């Protein structure tokens, strides 16, 4: 390997949706094989392996798979194949989708007018959400939500819309749309928006998307008065004016639930039920990382990498490595993303099989960046 060449390898379990692989470089060649397909009897319309070269163009691939006979054949993918990406420093968004309805429920169920193409853990934002000029759910416009996919056109969001100031959306209201945030964790832990607060001797915070906090985190709150519980706000400090009051994370329940050491037993109740009339100029409640005890590297232990990169948890309990090099535990992470995507496109012959495989397929990949290319 020459001085500037790069090579990386890994594996993942397919969800059936396009798979994003973060790397510290943008490859110009990618290859993979589907171990699940290779390890089972040949069946109709299965992709066993594929290659992509940057000279093909974005979204193409050459694949090997089984046709209906079944016979192993070569085939090409000309859309939604393999591509590379670089996130940049600002948020980027996917295709805008129209919404046919949102239920009054906790969690709220969203239905799109067409296949949304989302996967659980994706982050979305809404626009519009008026059922009429004075009713609907515009209170949640602009908030980042982690979705849980329940069907081709349905998903849920962690928000309680079953409250008095929300009106269910139905009949594909004009202007009600949703779009995916392509790279939502460019920096973390950053700031998270609050969907619920449980009071007590400690305080439990639910967020709309992944908070990426860790135990020991120092946090502050920004809660406008219309949401209640302004006592959590870091200022003013009645004991030491001008000195902010912060809390510390004492437990991480899951990707969007965290417990802080603040006794909120006597505080005003939190309310996620603002009126539609309050939407112009509405500010949202936040929990933010402060100080120098933030998310960062993972501990070095027996069997771990010598210099483990920082990790984040977008949903569930699975953590993902960032593209960063080693980081001291407690660092604030710039997670600007780059790498490649194995898409869910189909071939010109194997028209019913996805390049990325079926749900639960185990895929091994290798990516390279060459010093030079001669064409």
Protein backbone atom coordinates (compact mmCIF):
# COMPACT_ATOMS: atom_id res chain seq x y z
CA UNK A 1 0.00 0.00 0.00
CA UNK A 2 1.32 3.42 -0.93
CA UNK A 3 1.39 6.46 1.31
CA UNK A 4 -2.13 7.76 0.77
CA UNK A 5 -4.02 4.52 0.11
CA UNK A 6 -6.73 3.50 2.56
CA UNK A 7 -8.41 0.17 3.19
CA UNK A 8 -11.11 -0.84 5.65
CA UNK A 9 -13.32 -3.86 6.25
CA UNK A 10 -16.26 -4.82 8.42
CA UNK A 11 -19.65 -6.49 8.56
CA UNK A 12 -23.26 -5.63 9.36
CA UNK A 13 -26.65 -7.31 9.64
CA UNK A 14 -29.01 -6.01 6.98
CA UNK A 15 -32.36 -4.44 7.85
CA UNK A 16 -33.46 -4.57 4.22
CA UNK A 17 -33.00 -0.79 3.98
CA UNK A 18 -29.98 1.06 2.61
CA UNK A 19 -26.95 0.62 4.87
CA UNK A 20 -24.72 3.60 5.68
CA UNK A 21 -21.11 2.75 6.58
CA UNK A 22 -19.09 5.54 8.20
CA UNK A 23 -15.37 5.64 7.42
CA UNK A 24 -12.49 8.10 7.91
CA UNK A 25 -12.29 8.39 4.10
CA UNK A 26 -14.42 8.21 0.96
CA UNK A 27 -13.60 4.97 -0.87
CA UNK A 28 -13.28 4.66 -4.63
CA UNK A 29 -13.87 0.89 -4.60
CA UNK A 30 -16.28 -1.23 -2.53
CA UNK A 31 -16.97 -4.95 -2.55
CA UNK A 32 -19.04 -7.22 -0.35
CA UNK A 33 -20.49 -10.72 -0.04
CA UNK A 34 -23.70 -11.84 1.59
CA UNK A 35 -22.69 -14.66 3.95
CA UNK A 36 -26.30 -15.64 4.67
CA UNK A 37 -27.03 -16.22 0.99
CA UNK A 38 -23.71 -17.99 0.41
CA UNK A 39 -24.29 -20.23 3.43
CA UNK A 40 -27.72 -21.46 2.34
CA UNK A 41 -29.13 -23.34 -0.60
CA UNK A 42 -29.50 -21.21 -3.72
CA UNK A 43 -33.00 -19.78 -3.91
CA UNK A 44 -34.71 -17.49 -6.37
CA UNK A 45 -33.61 -13.88 -6.61
CA UNK A 46 -30.81 -13.57 -4.04
CA UNK A 47 -27.73 -11.35 -4.33
CA UNK A 48 -24.60 -13.17 -3.19
CA UNK A 49 -21.88 -10.54 -3.83
CA UNK A 50 -21.23 -7.20 -5.52
CA UNK A 51 -18.52 -4.72 -6.50
CA UNK A 52 -18.50 -1.00 -7.21
CA UNK A 53 -15.85 1.31 -8.63
CA UNK A 54 -16.09 5.10 -8.63
CA UNK A 55 -15.51 5.10 -12.40
CA UNK A 56 -18.95 3.48 -12.76
CA UNK A 57 -20.64 6.52 -11.25
CA UNK A 58 -22.67 6.93 -8.07
CA UNK A 59 -25.43 4.40 -7.43
CA UNK A 60 -24.22 1.67 -9.77
CA UNK A 61 -22.91 -1.84 -8.96
CA UNK A 62 -22.02 -5.17 -10.56
CA UNK A 63 -23.57 -8.07 -8.65
CA UNK A 64 -23.64 -11.86 -8.65
CA UNK A 65 -26.82 -13.60 -7.61
CA UNK A 66 -29.28 -16.40 -8.24
CA UNK A 67 -32.04 -16.09 -10.82
CA UNK A 68 -35.35 -17.99 -10.78
CA UNK A 69 -33.80 -21.26 -12.05
CA UNK A 70 -31.84 -20.83 -9.70
CA UNK A 71 -28.57 -20.22 -11.53
CA UNK A 72 -25.71 -18.00 -10.41
CA UNK A 73 -25.46 -15.07 -12.85
CA UNK A 74 -23.88 -11.61 -13.18
CA UNK A 75 -26.14 -8.58 -13.18
CA UNK A 76 -25.90 -4.78 -12.94
CA UNK A 77 -27.59 -2.25 -10.67
CA UNK A 78 -28.06 1.18 -12.21
CA UNK A 79 -29.93 3.00 -9.41
CA UNK A 80 -29.70 2.86 -5.60
CA UNK A 81 -26.62 0.69 -5.82
CA UNK A 82 -23.38 1.66 -4.06
CA UNK A 83 -22.46 5.29 -3.53
CA UNK A 84 -20.21 7.44 -1.37
CA UNK A 85 -21.07 10.49 0.72
CA UNK A 86 -19.62 13.32 2.76
CA UNK A 87 -21.91 15.07 5.22
CA UNK A 88 -20.24 18.48 5.46
CA UNK A 89 -20.80 20.80 8.40
CA UNK A 90 -24.52 21.57 8.01
CA UNK A 91 -27.63 19.40 8.16
CA UNK A 92 -28.76 17.84 4.90
CA UNK A 93 -32.19 16.42 4.18
CA UNK A 94 -33.73 13.67 2.12
CA UNK A 95 -36.80 13.72 -0.11
CA UNK A 96 -39.85 15.58 1.20
CA UNK A 97 -42.77 13.18 1.75
CA UNK A 98 -46.44 14.06 2.06
CA UNK A 99 -48.28 12.97 5.19
CA UNK A 100 -51.74 11.40 4.98
CA UNK A 101 -52.34 11.39 8.73
CA UNK A 102 -51.02 11.47 12.31
CA UNK A 103 -52.94 9.90 15.18
CA UNK A 104 -53.68 11.30 18.62
CA UNK A 105 -51.65 8.72 20.55
CA UNK A 106 -48.53 8.16 22.64
CA UNK A 107 -46.43 7.45 20.70
CA UNK A 108 -48.00 9.23 17.75
CA UNK A 109 -48.39 7.15 14.58
CA UNK A 110 -47.49 8.87 11.30
CA UNK A 111 -48.74 7.66 7.90
CA UNK A 112 -47.20 8.87 4.64
CA UNK A 113 -48.89 8.90 1.25
CA UNK A 114 -46.09 6.79 -0.28
CA UNK A 115 -43.41 4.35 0.86
CA UNK A 116 -41.24 6.40 3.24
CA UNK A 117 -38.08 4.26 2.87
CA UNK A 118 -37.09 4.94 6.48
CA UNK A 119 -35.46 2.58 8.96
CA UNK A 120 -35.88 2.56 12.73
CA UNK A 121 -33.33 4.98 14.17
CA UNK A 122 -33.60 7.49 11.34
CA UNK A 123 -34.27 11.10 12.34
CA UNK A 124 -37.00 13.18 10.68
CA UNK A 125 -38.47 16.68 10.90
CA UNK A 126 -42.00 17.82 10.08
CA UNK A 127 -43.40 20.88 8.34
CA UNK A 128 -46.96 22.14 8.02
CA UNK A 129 -49.10 19.76 10.14
CA UNK A 130 -52.20 21.94 10.06
CA UNK A 131 -55.53 20.14 9.78
CA UNK A 132 -57.19 23.55 9.38
CA UNK A 133 -55.93 27.09 9.83
CA UNK A 134 -56.40 26.78 13.62
CA UNK A 135 -56.11 23.03 14.31
CA UNK A 136 -53.66 20.20 13.81
CA UNK A 137 -50.20 19.44 15.19
CA UNK A 138 -47.94 22.33 14.16
CA UNK A 139 -46.62 22.31 17.75
CA UNK A 140 -44.12 19.62 16.68
CA UNK A 141 -42.92 21.27 13.46
CA UNK A 142 -39.14 21.47 13.23
CA UNK A 143 -38.38 19.10 16.09
CA UNK A 144 -35.98 16.21 15.31
CA UNK A 145 -37.65 12.87 16.00
CA UNK A 146 -36.13 9.39 16.03
CA UNK A 147 -38.57 7.09 14.25
CA UNK A 148 -39.60 3.51 14.89
CA UNK A 149 -40.79 1.98 11.61
CA UNK A 150 -44.02 -0.04 11.78
CA UNK A 151 -44.77 -0.43 8.06
CA UNK A 152 -43.92 0.73 4.55
CA UNK A 153 -45.92 3.92 5.04
CA UNK A 154 -46.10 4.13 8.84
CA UNK A 155 -43.80 4.94 11.74
CA UNK A 156 -44.07 6.23 15.31
CA UNK A 157 -42.39 9.19 17.01
CA UNK A 158 -41.69 9.61 20.75
CA UNK A 159 -44.28 12.31 21.46
CA UNK A 160 -47.69 12.31 23.13
CA UNK A 161 -50.21 13.87 20.73
CA UNK A 162 -53.15 12.46 22.70
CA UNK A 163 -53.65 15.80 24.45
CA UNK A 164 -56.29 18.52 24.32
CA UNK A 165 -54.45 20.98 22.07
CA UNK A 166 -53.69 18.47 19.31
CA UNK A 167 -56.07 17.56 16.49
CA UNK A 168 -55.51 14.33 14.57
CA UNK A 169 -54.37 14.80 10.98
CA UNK A 170 -56.30 12.98 8.27
CA UNK A 171 -57.07 13.15 4.57
CA UNK A 172 -53.55 14.20 3.45
CA UNK A 173 -53.80 17.84 4.60
CA UNK A 174 -52.12 20.31 2.25
CA UNK A 175 -48.56 21.25 3.26
CA UNK A 176 -48.16 18.50 5.87
CA UNK A 177 -44.77 16.95 5.08
CA UNK A 178 -41.86 15.07 6.63
CA UNK A 179 -38.24 14.65 5.54
CA UNK A 180 -35.29 12.63 6.77
CA UNK A 181 -32.25 14.29 8.35
CA UNK A 182 -29.47 12.52 6.47
CA UNK A 183 -26.67 12.95 9.02
CA UNK A 184 -28.26 13.99 12.33
CA UNK A 185 -25.26 13.48 14.63
CA UNK A 186 -22.63 15.77 13.13
CA UNK A 187 -21.80 16.86 16.67
CA UNK A 188 -22.70 15.20 19.93
CA UNK A 189 -23.88 15.15 22.57
CA UNK A 190 -24.88 18.72 21.68
CA UNK A 191 -28.49 19.61 22.47
CA UNK A 192 -31.59 17.44 22.71
CA UNK A 193 -35.24 18.44 22.70
CA UNK A 194 -37.40 17.29 25.60
CA UNK A 195 -40.63 15.34 25.08
CA UNK A 196 -41.37 14.52 28.73
CA UNK A 197 -40.12 14.95 32.30
CA UNK A 198 -40.90 12.74 35.32
CA UNK A 199 -40.42 14.50 38.66
CA UNK A 200 -38.98 13.00 41.83
CA UNK A 201 -35.90 12.96 44.02
CA UNK A 202 -34.10 12.51 40.72
CA UNK A 203 -35.48 13.78 37.41
CA UNK A 204 -36.07 11.58 34.35
CA UNK A 205 -35.88 13.26 30.94
CA UNK A 206 -37.29 11.85 27.70
CA UNK A 207 -35.96 13.33 24.45
CA UNK A 208 -37.30 13.39 20.90
CA UNK A 209 -34.13 11.89 19.44
CA UNK A 210 -30.93 10.27 20.72
CA UNK A 211 -29.30 12.33 23.47
CA UNK A 212 -25.93 10.47 23.41
CA UNK A 213 -25.26 11.39 27.04
CA UNK A 214 -23.17 9.27 29.40
CA UNK A 215 -23.17 8.84 33.17
CA UNK A 216 -21.28 11.73 34.74
CA UNK A 217 -22.38 14.18 32.03
CA UNK A 218 -22.88 17.75 33.17
CA UNK A 219 -26.10 19.18 31.71
CA UNK A 220 -28.17 22.36 31.67
CA UNK A 221 -31.81 23.02 30.82
CA UNK A 222 -33.51 25.63 28.62
CA UNK A 223 -37.26 25.43 29.23
CA UNK A 224 -39.53 28.27 28.03
CA UNK A 225 -42.39 29.09 30.38
CA UNK A 226 -45.16 27.61 28.18
CA UNK A 227 -43.71 24.15 28.82
CA UNK A 228 -43.72 24.46 32.61
CA UNK A 229 -40.95 23.36 35.02
CA UNK A 230 -38.87 26.49 34.50
CA UNK A 231 -37.22 25.68 37.86
CA UNK A 232 -34.87 23.36 35.95
CA UNK A 233 -33.36 26.24 34.01
CA UNK A 234 -29.71 26.83 34.80
CA UNK A 235 -30.20 30.52 35.60
CA UNK A 236 -30.87 32.32 37.81
CA UNK A 237 -29.09 30.81 40.79
CA UNK A 238 -30.72 32.31 43.89
CA UNK A 239 -27.86 31.17 46.12
CA UNK A 240 -25.07 32.52 43.92
CA UNK A 241 -26.44 35.05 41.37
CA UNK A 242 -24.76 34.79 37.99
CA UNK A 243 -23.51 31.27 38.66
CA UNK A 244 -25.38 28.66 36.56
CA UNK A 245 -27.00 25.66 38.21
CA UNK A 246 -26.17 22.43 36.41
CA UNK A 247 -27.16 18.81 36.90
CA UNK A 248 -25.31 15.56 36.39
CA UNK A 249 -26.42 12.42 34.59
CA UNK A 250 -26.72 9.56 37.09
CA UNK A 251 -28.27 6.95 34.76
CA UNK A 252 -28.85 6.38 31.05
CA UNK A 253 -32.03 4.34 30.63
CA UNK A 254 -31.95 4.13 26.84
CA UNK A 255 -31.10 6.15 23.76
CA UNK A 256 -33.70 8.85 24.51
CA UNK A 257 -34.16 8.62 28.29
CA UNK A 258 -31.72 9.94 30.90
CA UNK A 259 -31.84 10.53 34.66
CA UNK A 260 -30.24 13.57 36.30
CA UNK A 261 -29.48 14.20 39.97
CA UNK A 262 -31.85 17.19 40.41
CA UNK A 263 -34.65 16.86 42.99
CA UNK A 264 -37.73 18.12 41.14
CA UNK A 265 -40.34 16.87 43.63
CA UNK A 266 -41.72 20.37 44.26
CA UNK A 267 -41.34 21.74 40.73
CA UNK A 268 -44.11 22.80 38.36
CA UNK A 269 -45.24 19.92 36.13
CA UNK A 270 -43.84 19.73 32.60
CA UNK A 271 -46.44 20.04 29.82
CA UNK A 272 -45.99 19.02 26.18
CA UNK A 273 -49.41 20.46 25.30
CA UNK A 274 -48.88 24.00 23.92
CA UNK A 275 -51.70 25.53 21.91
CA UNK A 276 -51.75 25.90 18.13
CA UNK A 277 -52.12 29.66 18.66
CA UNK A 278 -48.74 29.71 20.46
CA UNK A 279 -46.85 28.22 17.50
CA UNK A 280 -45.62 31.46 15.88
CA UNK A 281 -42.38 32.10 17.75
CA UNK A 282 -42.69 28.93 19.87
CA UNK A 283 -39.36 27.87 21.41
CA UNK A 284 -38.76 24.27 22.45
CA UNK A 285 -37.47 22.81 25.74
CA UNK A 286 -33.91 21.52 25.63
CA UNK A 287 -31.35 19.61 27.66
CA UNK A 288 -27.79 20.49 26.65
CA UNK A 289 -24.29 19.27 27.45
CA UNK A 290 -22.11 21.74 29.35
CA UNK A 291 -18.76 21.79 31.08
CA UNK A 292 -16.00 19.35 30.27
CA UNK A 293 -17.69 16.03 31.07
CA UNK A 294 -19.27 15.19 27.76
CA UNK A 295 -19.50 12.16 25.49
CA UNK A 296 -16.27 10.82 24.05
CA UNK A 297 -14.03 7.79 23.83
CA UNK A 298 -14.73 4.35 25.19
CA UNK A 299 -12.57 2.67 27.78
CA UNK A 300 -9.59 0.55 26.78
CA UNK A 301 -10.05 -2.96 28.20
CA UNK A 302 -9.04 -6.53 27.51
CA UNK A 303 -9.95 -7.37 23.93
CA UNK A 304 -10.82 -3.80 22.94
CA UNK A 305 -9.07 -1.73 20.32
CA UNK A 306 -5.96 0.02 21.59
CA UNK A 307 -7.29 3.43 20.54
CA UNK A 308 -11.10 3.08 20.45
CA UNK A 309 -13.02 5.82 18.65
CA UNK A 310 -15.97 7.67 20.24
CA UNK A 311 -19.35 6.00 19.90
CA UNK A 312 -22.96 7.13 19.67
CA UNK A 313 -26.31 5.36 20.16
CA UNK A 314 -28.97 6.44 17.62
CA UNK A 315 -31.67 3.98 18.83
CA UNK A 316 -32.08 0.91 21.03
CA UNK A 317 -28.91 -0.24 22.76
CA UNK A 318 -26.56 -0.61 19.76
CA UNK A 319 -23.63 1.77 19.64
CA UNK A 320 -21.79 2.87 16.49
CA UNK A 321 -18.22 4.02 16.08
CA UNK A 322 -17.62 7.47 14.68
CA UNK A 323 -15.02 8.29 12.04
CA UNK A 324 -12.85 9.93 14.70
CA UNK A 325 -9.56 8.70 16.04
CA UNK A 326 -8.91 8.15 19.76
CA UNK A 327 -10.69 10.50 22.15
CA UNK A 328 -10.33 10.93 25.88
CA UNK A 329 -13.45 9.96 27.82
CA UNK A 330 -15.25 13.24 28.30
CA UNK A 331 -14.50 14.88 24.96
CA UNK A 332 -17.03 16.69 22.78
CA UNK A 333 -17.16 14.98 19.40
CA UNK A 334 -17.29 16.36 15.88
CA UNK A 335 -18.87 13.46 13.99
CA UNK A 336 -18.89 14.88 10.47
CA UNK A 337 -19.68 11.77 8.45
CA UNK A 338 -18.26 10.26 5.29
CA UNK A 339 -18.11 6.77 3.87
CA UNK A 340 -20.30 4.70 1.56
CA UNK A 341 -23.85 3.41 1.22
CA UNK A 342 -25.03 0.00 0.03
CA UNK A 343 -28.46 0.75 -1.40
CA UNK A 344 -31.70 -1.19 -1.70
CA UNK A 345 -31.83 -1.04 -5.48
CA UNK A 346 -32.51 -4.08 -7.67
CA UNK A 347 -30.69 -5.38 -10.72
CA UNK A 348 -31.78 -5.35 -14.33
CA UNK A 349 -32.28 -9.14 -14.24
CA UNK A 350 -32.63 -9.88 -10.51
CA UNK A 351 -35.50 -7.44 -10.27
CA UNK A 352 -37.05 -8.67 -7.02
CA UNK A 353 -33.92 -8.79 -4.86
CA UNK A 354 -32.26 -5.92 -3.02
CA UNK A 355 -28.55 -5.26 -3.36
CA UNK A 356 -28.36 -4.77 0.42
CA UNK A 357 -30.02 -8.14 1.04
CA UNK A 358 -32.98 -9.18 3.14
CA UNK A 359 -33.61 -8.50 6.81
CA UNK A 360 -31.13 -10.44 9.04
CA UNK A 361 -28.69 -11.18 6.19
CA UNK A 362 -25.07 -10.91 7.37
CA UNK A 363 -22.91 -8.93 4.96
CA UNK A 364 -19.09 -8.64 4.96
CA UNK A 365 -17.60 -5.67 3.13
CA UNK A 366 -14.25 -4.16 2.14
CA UNK A 367 -13.63 -0.57 1.01
CA UNK A 368 -10.51 0.93 -0.58
CA UNK A 369 -9.19 4.33 -1.59
CA UNK A 370 -6.41 4.09 -4.16
CA UNK A 371 -3.52 6.50 -4.67
CA UNK A 372 -4.24 6.91 -8.36
CA UNK A 373 -6.72 5.90 -10.98
CA UNK A 374 -5.97 5.30 -14.64
CA UNK A 375 -8.95 5.20 -16.99
